[in-house]
Amino acid sequence: MKKSVFNAACLMLALSGCASAQAPSPAPASAIGSAAGAAPGAAGRAANEAADKAASAPLERLRAMSAAATCSSAEQCRTVPVGVKACGGPEGYLPVSASQAGEASALARRHREQRIAADAARAAAGVEVPRSNCMMVMDPGATCQAGLCRLQPGGQGGRAD
């Protein structure tokens, strides 16, 4: 029963996010995982802040892991999808070391699940949920530059896990 209510809330969220006639521009990578919806009143702001704090912990760990992803060749780098758009798919990608790809994928999955749950809770409380532009974000792939894993410029593709 709980799962069907959650699935219904996610479906309503997805449909409401795509209904916007005027789509906002894509969020920069620095905005991945941040709240875009403004909530009315102190109670709404508190709900947004609590939801954002819960979802940001795995994202912050993932960003730190990404910033410190060392490599000696491009084969040692991977990308992980981060965040979730209302119509499906990630908000963006972060580069990680292949040796940490499993842990990074688990953190990204936990962040995505927490964002979906937080958005569903916001919608149920009547608080504005961040909208999505519903544009598909392609995996740019990762490469090794100066001993660190980085996203490939221009989305040239690459390995993802």
C-alpha atoms as a PDB file:
ATOM      1  CA  MET A   1       0.000   0.000   0.000  1.00  0.00           C
ATOM      2  CA  LYS A   2       2.787   2.418   0.969  1.00  0.00           C
ATOM      3  CA  LYS A   3       4.645   1.644  -2.246  1.00  0.00           C
ATOM      4  CA  SER A   4       1.600   2.294  -4.437  1.00  0.00           C
ATOM      5  CA  VAL A   5       0.977   5.641  -2.706  1.00  0.00           C
ATOM      6  CA  PHE A   6       4.646   6.542  -3.188  1.00  0.00           C
ATOM      7  CA  ASN A   7       4.510   5.494  -6.861  1.00  0.00           C
ATOM      8  CA  ALA A   8       1.348   7.540  -7.383  1.00  0.00           C
ATOM      9  CA  ALA A   9       2.989  10.573  -5.757  1.00  0.00           C
ATOM     10  CA  CYS A  10       6.051  10.162  -7.990  1.00  0.00           C
ATOM     11  CA  LEU A  11       3.864   9.881 -11.087  1.00  0.00           C
ATOM     12  CA  MET A  12       1.930  13.040 -10.145  1.00  0.00           C
ATOM     13  CA  LEU A  13       5.227  14.789  -9.526  1.00  0.00           C
ATOM     14  CA  ALA A  14       6.600  13.722 -12.890  1.00  0.00           C
ATOM     15  CA  LEU A  15       3.482  14.806 -14.740  1.00  0.00           C
ATOM     16  CA  SER A  16       3.265  18.163 -12.974  1.00  0.00           C
ATOM     17  CA  GLY A  17       6.930  18.895 -13.685  1.00  0.00           C
ATOM     18  CA  CYS A  18       6.470  18.382 -17.409  1.00  0.00           C
ATOM     19  CA  ALA A  19       3.274  20.421 -17.652  1.00  0.00           C
ATOM     20  CA  SER A  20       5.041  23.763 -17.628  1.00  0.00           C
ATOM     21  CA  ALA A  21       4.589  25.621 -20.891  1.00  0.00           C
ATOM     22  CA  GLN A  22       7.726  27.646 -20.337  1.00  0.00           C
ATOM     23  CA  ALA A  23      10.659  25.420 -19.418  1.00  0.00           C
ATOM     24  CA  PRO A  24      13.462  26.940 -17.346  1.00  0.00           C
ATOM     25  CA  SER A  25      17.029  26.667 -18.567  1.00  0.00           C
ATOM     26  CA  PRO A  26      19.063  23.640 -17.421  1.00  0.00           C
ATOM     27  CA  ALA A  27      20.606  23.865 -13.968  1.00  0.00           C
ATOM     28  CA  PRO A  28      24.396  24.270 -13.848  1.00  0.00           C
ATOM     29  CA  ALA A  29      26.358  21.386 -12.350  1.00  0.00           C
ATOM     30  CA  SER A  30      26.877  23.429  -9.166  1.00  0.00           C
ATOM     31  CA  ALA A  31      23.100  23.541  -8.706  1.00  0.00           C
ATOM     32  CA  ILE A  32      22.645  19.768  -8.882  1.00  0.00           C
ATOM     33  CA  GLY A  33      20.662  18.736  -5.842  1.00  0.00           C
ATOM     34  CA  SER A  34      19.753  22.227  -4.678  1.00  0.00           C
ATOM     35  CA  ALA A  35      16.171  23.265  -4.075  1.00  0.00           C
ATOM     36  CA  ALA A  36      14.648  25.457  -6.763  1.00  0.00           C
ATOM     37  CA  GLY A  37      11.112  25.674  -5.391  1.00  0.00           C
ATOM     38  CA  ALA A  38      10.093  28.555  -3.199  1.00  0.00           C
ATOM     39  CA  ALA A  39       7.824  27.657  -0.337  1.00  0.00           C
ATOM     40  CA  PRO A  40       5.362  30.096   1.183  1.00  0.00           C
ATOM     41  CA  GLY A  41       5.795  31.042   4.836  1.00  0.00           C
ATOM     42  CA  ALA A  42       8.093  29.846   7.585  1.00  0.00           C
ATOM     43  CA  ALA A  43       6.625  26.326   7.682  1.00  0.00           C
ATOM     44  CA  GLY A  44       7.238  25.892   3.952  1.00  0.00           C
ATOM     45  CA  ARG A  45      10.788  27.184   4.243  1.00  0.00           C
ATOM     46  CA  ALA A  46      11.439  24.805   7.140  1.00  0.00           C
ATOM     47  CA  ALA A  47      10.076  21.880   5.101  1.00  0.00           C
ATOM     48  CA  ASN A  48      12.301  22.821   2.155  1.00  0.00           C
ATOM     49  CA  GLU A  49      15.378  23.197   4.360  1.00  0.00           C
ATOM     50  CA  ALA A  50      14.822  19.861   6.102  1.00  0.00           C
ATOM     51  CA  ALA A  51      14.275  18.044   2.808  1.00  0.00           C
ATOM     52  CA  ASP A  52      17.317  19.678   1.227  1.00  0.00           C
ATOM     53  CA  LYS A  53      19.531  18.852   4.206  1.00  0.00           C
ATOM     54  CA  ALA A  54      18.570  15.173   4.099  1.00  0.00           C
ATOM     55  CA  ALA A  55      19.185  14.919   0.356  1.00  0.00           C
ATOM     56  CA  SER A  56      22.414  16.945   0.377  1.00  0.00           C
ATOM     57  CA  ALA A  57      24.494  14.654   2.628  1.00  0.00           C
ATOM     58  CA  PRO A  58      25.093  11.932   0.016  1.00  0.00           C
ATOM     59  CA  LEU A  59      25.504  14.584  -2.684  1.00  0.00           C
ATOM     60  CA  GLU A  60      28.200  16.411  -0.720  1.00  0.00           C
ATOM     61  CA  ARG A  61      30.076  13.125  -0.164  1.00  0.00           C
ATOM     62  CA  LEU A  62      29.748  12.362  -3.871  1.00  0.00           C
ATOM     63  CA  ARG A  63      31.057  15.820  -4.847  1.00  0.00           C
ATOM     64  CA  ALA A  64      34.047  15.401  -2.509  1.00  0.00           C
ATOM     65  CA  MET A  65      34.729  11.954  -3.950  1.00  0.00           C
ATOM     66  CA  SER A  66      34.518  13.388  -7.464  1.00  0.00           C
ATOM     67  CA  ALA A  67      36.901  16.258  -6.692  1.00  0.00           C
ATOM     68  CA  ALA A  68      39.495  13.815  -5.355  1.00  0.00           C
ATOM     69  CA  ALA A  69      39.121  11.114  -8.059  1.00  0.00           C
ATOM     70  CA  THR A  70      42.699  10.356  -9.096  1.00  0.00           C
ATOM     71  CA  CYS A  71      43.754   8.500 -12.230  1.00  0.00           C
ATOM     72  CA  SER A  72      46.681   7.762 -14.511  1.00  0.00           C
ATOM     73  CA  SER A  73      44.589   7.003 -17.623  1.00  0.00           C
ATOM     74  CA  ALA A  74      41.078   7.654 -18.953  1.00  0.00           C
ATOM     75  CA  GLU A  75      40.193   3.974 -18.455  1.00  0.00           C
ATOM     76  CA  GLN A  76      40.291   4.593 -14.700  1.00  0.00           C
ATOM     77  CA  CYS A  77      37.493   7.185 -14.851  1.00  0.00           C
ATOM     78  CA  ARG A  78      33.713   6.755 -14.894  1.00  0.00           C
ATOM     79  CA  THR A  79      30.668   8.998 -14.636  1.00  0.00           C
ATOM     80  CA  VAL A  80      27.719   8.646 -12.280  1.00  0.00           C
ATOM     81  CA  PRO A  81      24.306  10.190 -12.921  1.00  0.00           C
ATOM     82  CA  VAL A  82      23.323  12.677 -10.214  1.00  0.00           C
ATOM     83  CA  GLY A  83      19.941  14.100  -9.233  1.00  0.00           C
ATOM     84  CA  VAL A  84      16.595  13.442 -10.836  1.00  0.00           C
ATOM     85  CA  LYS A  85      14.396  15.355 -13.242  1.00  0.00           C
ATOM     86  CA  ALA A  86      10.620  15.245 -12.908  1.00  0.00           C
ATOM     87  CA  CYS A  87      10.254  13.594 -16.313  1.00  0.00           C
ATOM     88  CA  GLY A  88      13.007  11.078 -15.592  1.00  0.00           C
ATOM     89  CA  GLY A  89      16.734  10.968 -16.022  1.00  0.00           C
ATOM     90  CA  PRO A  90      19.520  12.677 -14.100  1.00  0.00           C
ATOM     91  CA  GLU A  91      20.129  16.402 -13.665  1.00  0.00           C
ATOM     92  CA  GLY A  92      23.780  15.913 -14.533  1.00  0.00           C
ATOM     93  CA  TYR A  93      26.856  13.733 -14.151  1.00  0.00           C
ATOM     94  CA  LEU A  94      29.951  13.704 -11.953  1.00  0.00           C
ATOM     95  CA  PRO A  95      33.293  12.037 -12.738  1.00  0.00           C
ATOM     96  CA  VAL A  96      34.627   9.424 -10.325  1.00  0.00           C
ATOM     97  CA  SER A  97      37.497   6.975 -10.185  1.00  0.00           C
ATOM     98  CA  ALA A  98      36.674   3.452 -11.368  1.00  0.00           C
ATOM     99  CA  SER A  99      37.873   2.126  -8.002  1.00  0.00           C
ATOM    100  CA  GLN A 100      35.124   4.162  -6.298  1.00  0.00           C
ATOM    101  CA  ALA A 101      32.383   3.700  -8.906  1.00  0.00           C
ATOM    102  CA  GLY A 102      30.380   1.262  -6.753  1.00  0.00           C
ATOM    103  CA  GLU A 103      30.321   3.536  -3.714  1.00  0.00           C
ATOM    104  CA  ALA A 104      29.630   6.581  -5.902  1.00  0.00           C
ATOM    105  CA  SER A 105      26.709   4.837  -7.610  1.00  0.00           C
ATOM    106  CA  ALA A 106      25.239   3.916  -4.218  1.00  0.00           C
ATOM    107  CA  LEU A 107      25.550   7.530  -3.000  1.00  0.00           C
ATOM    108  CA  ALA A 108      23.989   8.850  -6.213  1.00  0.00           C
ATOM    109  CA  ARG A 109      21.129   6.348  -5.891  1.00  0.00           C
ATOM    110  CA  ARG A 110      20.520   7.343  -2.253  1.00  0.00           C
ATOM    111  CA  HIS A 111      20.552  11.040  -3.166  1.00  0.00           C
ATOM    112  CA  ARG A 112      18.088  10.416  -6.026  1.00  0.00           C
ATOM    113  CA  GLU A 113      15.722   8.444  -3.759  1.00  0.00           C
ATOM    114  CA  GLN A 114      15.855  11.144  -1.069  1.00  0.00           C
ATOM    115  CA  ARG A 115      15.146  13.878  -3.640  1.00  0.00           C
ATOM    116  CA  ILE A 116      12.125  11.959  -4.982  1.00  0.00           C
ATOM    117  CA  ALA A 117      10.795  11.407  -1.458  1.00  0.00           C
ATOM    118  CA  ALA A 118      11.405  15.050  -0.484  1.00  0.00           C
ATOM    119  CA  ASP A 119       9.621  16.325  -3.601  1.00  0.00           C
ATOM    120  CA  ALA A 120       6.688  13.975  -2.959  1.00  0.00           C
ATOM    121  CA  ALA A 121       6.476  15.228   0.645  1.00  0.00           C
ATOM    122  CA  ARG A 122       6.563  18.831  -0.562  1.00  0.00           C
ATOM    123  CA  ALA A 123       3.772  18.158  -3.056  1.00  0.00           C
ATOM    124  CA  ALA A 124       1.670  16.409  -0.395  1.00  0.00           C
ATOM    125  CA  ALA A 125       2.147  19.401   1.938  1.00  0.00           C
ATOM    126  CA  GLY A 126       1.083  21.813  -0.793  1.00  0.00           C
ATOM    127  CA  VAL A 127       4.576  23.284  -1.093  1.00  0.00           C
ATOM    128  CA  GLU A 128       5.844  24.186  -4.560  1.00  0.00           C
ATOM    129  CA  VAL A 129       8.005  21.443  -6.022  1.00  0.00           C
ATOM    130  CA  PRO A 130      11.001  22.392  -8.189  1.00  0.00           C
ATOM    131  CA  ARG A 131      10.093  22.045 -11.859  1.00  0.00           C
ATOM    132  CA  SER A 132      12.133  20.331 -14.501  1.00  0.00           C
ATOM    133  CA  ASN A 133      12.813  21.393 -18.040  1.00  0.00           C
ATOM    134  CA  CYS A 134      12.458  17.711 -19.009  1.00  0.00           C
ATOM    135  CA  MET A 135      15.415  17.962 -21.390  1.00  0.00           C
ATOM    136  CA  MET A 136      17.523  14.817 -21.578  1.00  0.00           C
ATOM    137  CA  VAL A 137      21.039  15.317 -20.230  1.00  0.00           C
ATOM    138  CA  MET A 138      23.562  13.221 -22.130  1.00  0.00           C
ATOM    139  CA  ASP A 139      26.414  11.513 -20.317  1.00  0.00           C
ATOM    140  CA  PRO A 140      29.530  13.474 -21.297  1.00  0.00           C
ATOM    141  CA  GLY A 141      31.850  10.655 -20.275  1.00  0.00           C
ATOM    142  CA  ALA A 142      34.924  11.043 -18.120  1.00  0.00           C
ATOM    143  CA  THR A 143      38.597  11.346 -18.908  1.00  0.00           C
ATOM    144  CA  CYS A 144      41.853  11.724 -16.999  1.00  0.00           C
ATOM    145  CA  GLN A 145      43.350  15.223 -16.980  1.00  0.00           C
ATOM    146  CA  ALA A 146      46.426  16.075 -14.923  1.00  0.00           C
ATOM    147  CA  GLY A 147      45.925  12.991 -12.766  1.00  0.00           C
ATOM    148  CA  LEU A 148      42.273  13.718 -11.944  1.00  0.00           C
ATOM    149  CA  CYS A 149      39.045  12.339 -13.408  1.00  0.00           C
ATOM    150  CA  ARG A 150      37.088  15.092 -15.169  1.00  0.00           C
ATOM    151  CA  LEU A 151      34.012  15.261 -17.375  1.00  0.00           C
ATOM    152  CA  GLN A 152      34.890  15.263 -21.046  1.00  0.00           C
ATOM    153  CA  PRO A 153      34.447  18.641 -22.708  1.00  0.00           C
ATOM    154  CA  GLY A 154      31.648  18.888 -25.237  1.00  0.00           C
ATOM    155  CA  GLY A 155      30.021  15.601 -24.213  1.00  0.00           C
ATOM    156  CA  GLN A 156      32.281  13.358 -26.273  1.00  0.00           C
ATOM    157  CA  GLY A 157      30.960  10.277 -24.508  1.00  0.00           C
ATOM    158  CA  GLY A 158      32.826   7.694 -22.503  1.00  0.00           C
ATOM    159  CA  ARG A 159      32.369   4.989 -19.924  1.00  0.00           C
ATOM    160  CA  ALA A 160      29.632   5.183 -17.349  1.00  0.00           C
ATOM    161  CA  ASP A 161      28.699   2.769 -14.578  1.00  0.00           C
END
